[in-house]
Amino acid sequence: MGVVVAPIVDGKLDVWKAWIAELNGPRVQELKEFNQRYGLTRHAAWLAETPMGPIVVAMHEGPGGDEFMAKIGSSDNDFDKVFVAKVKEIHGLDVTQPPPGPMPVNYLDARA
């Protein structure tokens, strides 16, 4: 499973909400195919309103979840290219490049 916590660029909250409406509506089949391409069984996003501004918490669950973000940046698929462009526009994250700084370190993983 992969988790991404990404702030929304100032002024882009309505763009994010419109994009999510597309993914839940007219582009839902494309999103399902996208998830299948990357081995995702669940792709969820939560909006957190914080004192520092809106933040999206996205979860990518399934066999491809850990590698998902690293793989989408090099795709030639049209839907994937739009996805990558929206991530950059809304969150300022360029997934075609390695992330800046060290990768997160897991400090707690309690299970039943």
Protein backbone atom coordinates (compact mmCIF):
# COMPACT_ATOMS: atom_id res chain seq x y z
CA MET A 1 0.00 0.00 0.00
CA GLY A 2 1.18 3.51 -0.75
CA VAL A 3 0.09 6.70 0.98
CA VAL A 4 0.70 10.22 -0.26
CA VAL A 5 0.06 13.39 1.76
CA ALA A 6 0.02 16.38 -0.57
CA PRO A 7 -0.92 19.98 0.07
CA ILE A 8 -3.16 21.68 -2.46
CA VAL A 9 -1.55 24.68 -4.16
CA ASP A 10 -3.18 27.94 -3.10
CA GLY A 11 -6.21 28.62 -5.28
CA LYS A 12 -6.48 25.06 -6.66
CA LEU A 13 -9.02 23.55 -4.25
CA ASP A 14 -11.92 24.02 -6.68
CA VAL A 15 -9.80 22.50 -9.47
CA TRP A 16 -9.16 19.44 -7.26
CA LYS A 17 -12.86 19.11 -6.40
CA ALA A 18 -13.81 19.34 -10.10
CA TRP A 19 -11.21 16.71 -11.00
CA ILE A 20 -12.49 14.37 -8.30
CA ALA A 21 -16.04 14.89 -9.59
CA GLU A 22 -14.83 13.83 -13.06
CA LEU A 23 -13.11 10.75 -11.64
CA ASN A 24 -16.25 9.78 -9.73
CA GLY A 25 -18.47 10.54 -12.72
CA PRO A 26 -17.75 10.59 -16.46
CA ARG A 27 -14.19 9.27 -16.12
CA VAL A 28 -14.87 6.54 -13.56
CA GLN A 29 -14.30 3.73 -16.09
CA GLU A 30 -10.96 5.24 -17.12
CA LEU A 31 -10.00 5.43 -13.44
CA LYS A 32 -10.90 1.76 -12.96
CA GLU A 33 -8.74 0.81 -15.96
CA PHE A 34 -5.95 3.05 -14.61
CA ASN A 35 -6.10 1.24 -11.26
CA GLN A 36 -6.00 -2.15 -12.98
CA ARG A 37 -2.97 -1.08 -15.05
CA TYR A 38 -1.05 -0.32 -11.87
CA GLY A 39 -2.24 -3.24 -9.76
CA LEU A 40 -4.44 -1.15 -7.45
CA THR A 41 -7.47 -2.69 -5.77
CA ARG A 42 -8.38 0.56 -4.02
CA HIS A 43 -7.55 4.19 -4.75
CA ALA A 44 -8.98 6.60 -2.19
CA ALA A 45 -8.47 10.29 -1.41
CA TRP A 46 -9.46 12.31 1.64
CA LEU A 47 -9.49 16.09 1.91
CA ALA A 48 -8.16 17.45 5.19
CA GLU A 49 -8.76 21.12 5.95
CA THR A 50 -5.83 22.19 8.14
CA PRO A 51 -4.65 25.53 9.57
CA MET A 52 -1.93 25.38 6.88
CA GLY A 53 -4.49 24.91 4.11
CA PRO A 54 -6.15 21.96 2.39
CA ILE A 55 -4.23 18.70 2.18
CA VAL A 56 -5.10 15.52 0.31
CA VAL A 57 -4.32 12.14 1.80
CA ALA A 58 -4.33 9.55 -0.98
CA MET A 59 -4.08 5.80 -0.50
CA HIS A 60 -3.08 3.34 -3.21
CA GLU A 61 -3.87 -0.20 -2.09
CA GLY A 62 -3.07 -3.43 -3.89
CA PRO A 63 -0.05 -5.30 -5.22
CA GLY A 64 1.12 -2.22 -7.16
CA GLY A 65 0.50 0.32 -4.39
CA ASP A 66 4.11 0.74 -3.30
CA GLU A 67 5.42 1.45 -6.81
CA PHE A 68 2.42 3.33 -8.17
CA MET A 69 3.70 6.92 -7.88
CA ALA A 70 7.11 6.03 -9.28
CA LYS A 71 5.58 4.31 -12.33
CA ILE A 72 2.93 6.80 -13.48
CA GLY A 73 5.44 9.51 -14.36
CA SER A 74 6.89 7.52 -17.26
CA SER A 75 3.61 6.30 -18.79
CA ASP A 76 2.63 7.13 -22.37
CA ASN A 77 -1.07 6.43 -21.74
CA ASP A 78 -3.27 9.51 -22.36
CA PHE A 79 -5.26 9.15 -19.11
CA ASP A 80 -2.02 8.68 -17.14
CA LYS A 81 -0.56 11.83 -18.70
CA VAL A 82 -3.63 13.82 -17.61
CA PHE A 83 -3.36 12.33 -14.12
CA VAL A 84 0.32 13.32 -13.88
CA ALA A 85 -0.45 16.85 -15.15
CA LYS A 86 -3.29 17.27 -12.62
CA VAL A 87 -1.04 16.14 -9.75
CA LYS A 88 1.51 18.74 -10.79
CA GLU A 89 -1.09 21.51 -11.27
CA ILE A 90 -3.00 20.87 -8.06
CA HIS A 91 -0.26 19.69 -5.71
CA GLY A 92 2.92 21.04 -7.28
CA LEU A 93 4.35 17.49 -7.35
CA ASP A 94 6.29 16.45 -10.42
CA VAL A 95 6.03 12.66 -10.36
CA THR A 96 8.29 12.41 -13.41
CA GLN A 97 11.20 13.24 -11.09
CA PRO A 98 12.40 11.50 -7.92
CA PRO A 99 10.90 13.08 -4.79
CA PRO A 100 13.08 15.63 -3.01
CA GLY A 101 14.65 14.51 0.25
CA PRO A 102 14.63 11.09 1.83
CA MET A 103 11.72 8.69 1.57
CA PRO A 104 9.43 8.42 4.61
CA VAL A 105 10.44 5.96 7.29
CA ASN A 106 7.79 3.74 8.90
CA TYR A 107 7.93 4.01 12.69
CA LEU A 108 4.66 2.28 13.60
CA ASP A 109 2.73 -0.55 11.98
CA ALA A 110 0.36 -2.06 14.56
CA ARG A 111 -1.96 -4.79 13.30
CA ALA A 112 -4.74 -6.84 14.88
